[in-house]
Amino acid sequence: MADTPVTAVRSPVPQPRAPGDADHPAGKKRRKSRIRQPLRYRLKRDKALLLLCLPGVLYFALFFYLPLAGNVIAFQDYQPFLGFKQSPFVGLANFTALLAEPEFWSAVSNTLQITAIQLLLYFPAPIALALLLNSLISEKIKRFIQTVVYLPHFLSWVVVVAMFKQVLGGAGSVTTLLMEHGIGIGNVMTDPGTFKLLITAQAIWKDCGWGTIIFLAAIASIDMGQYESAAMDGAGWLRRIWHVTLPGIRPVILMLLILRLGDILSVGFEQIILQRDAVGPDASEVMDTYVYFHGVVDGDWGMSTAAGLMKGVIGFALILAANKLAHRFGEQGVYR
């Protein structure tokens, strides 16, 4: 009888485990990381980082959050010699008196006008300057221009206003030069009609260069391959800016716009108070100066605190609304 061939029985080859399997090392590691570690351990682990953050936390706590308790003055007939506890509670009387005062609505009107002008002229200026600087080929020229346009940010408003007065004042260099050629523009620094454009021009000259830092950083994060692909498709420099650069920095633009809307009723206290007497309160009174003169100067603490509280509530509501609108357009906004 012929021998029957014997076939060897092979054991099944073990298949490699996927990372999602429970027994896979990566899966075990992720499962362990999901286990919340005790607070004591996390504080000890992150002690160095927490100590680094401590000065900033104390700064905001002492100078931003703790003073919020002073808003109780808005609901009191506050007298400094009586203090918070003994000053009589008047409810919403300060808000009622505030809304019935014509000077308050004049300050609100001036603030909104200045804000609208600055949103149209000042907010796009750093974006345009960042696009211009990014288009320069020579790195040396780019760094030199960046240094020059950054410098005005470090000047105080006292110096900036004095410089503009020397240029555009009644005896300023530009005013005198134009008068010699038969063009009389008068004293721009004391003209109430051009005051809002004047302070916007001052803000652009002082802070436009500093504002380009964030936009230049956002432009630098765009993949250069997108520019190369657009150039290969025949897109010129203008189309590359429109279809590559601007969409790449759109989240940053929206985030800064949302933050600007939250600060919409603050248009520069120091800058305006230095020029208030030259043009008069009718053209220059804004929310910040109104609070200062009625609260600190005139001693009407309750009404001025009510105005400041309304300003903060309106700004907070605008941030929430603008952030929600950014989510509708598919952007992250300031927070999720």
Foldseek 3Di string as FASTA:
>chain_A
DDDDDDDDDDDDDDDDDDCCDCPDPNVVVVVVVPPDDDPVVVCVVCVVVVVVCVVVVVVCVVPPVVCVVVLQLLQFQDDVVLDDPRTHGRGNPLVVVLVVDPLNVLQAVLLLVLLVVCVVPVLCLLVVVLLVLVPDDDPVVSVVVLVVQQVLQPDDLVVLLVVCCLQQAQPHPVQVVCVVVVDHPGGLLQALVCVSVVVSVSCCSRCSSVVNPVLNVQQVPFDCVLVVVCVVVPDDPVVCCVPGSCVSCVLVSLQVVLLCLLVSQDDDDVNLVVSCVSHHCSRRRHLVVVLCCVPVVVPSPNNSSNSVVVSNVSSVVSSVVSCVVCVVVVHCHPHD
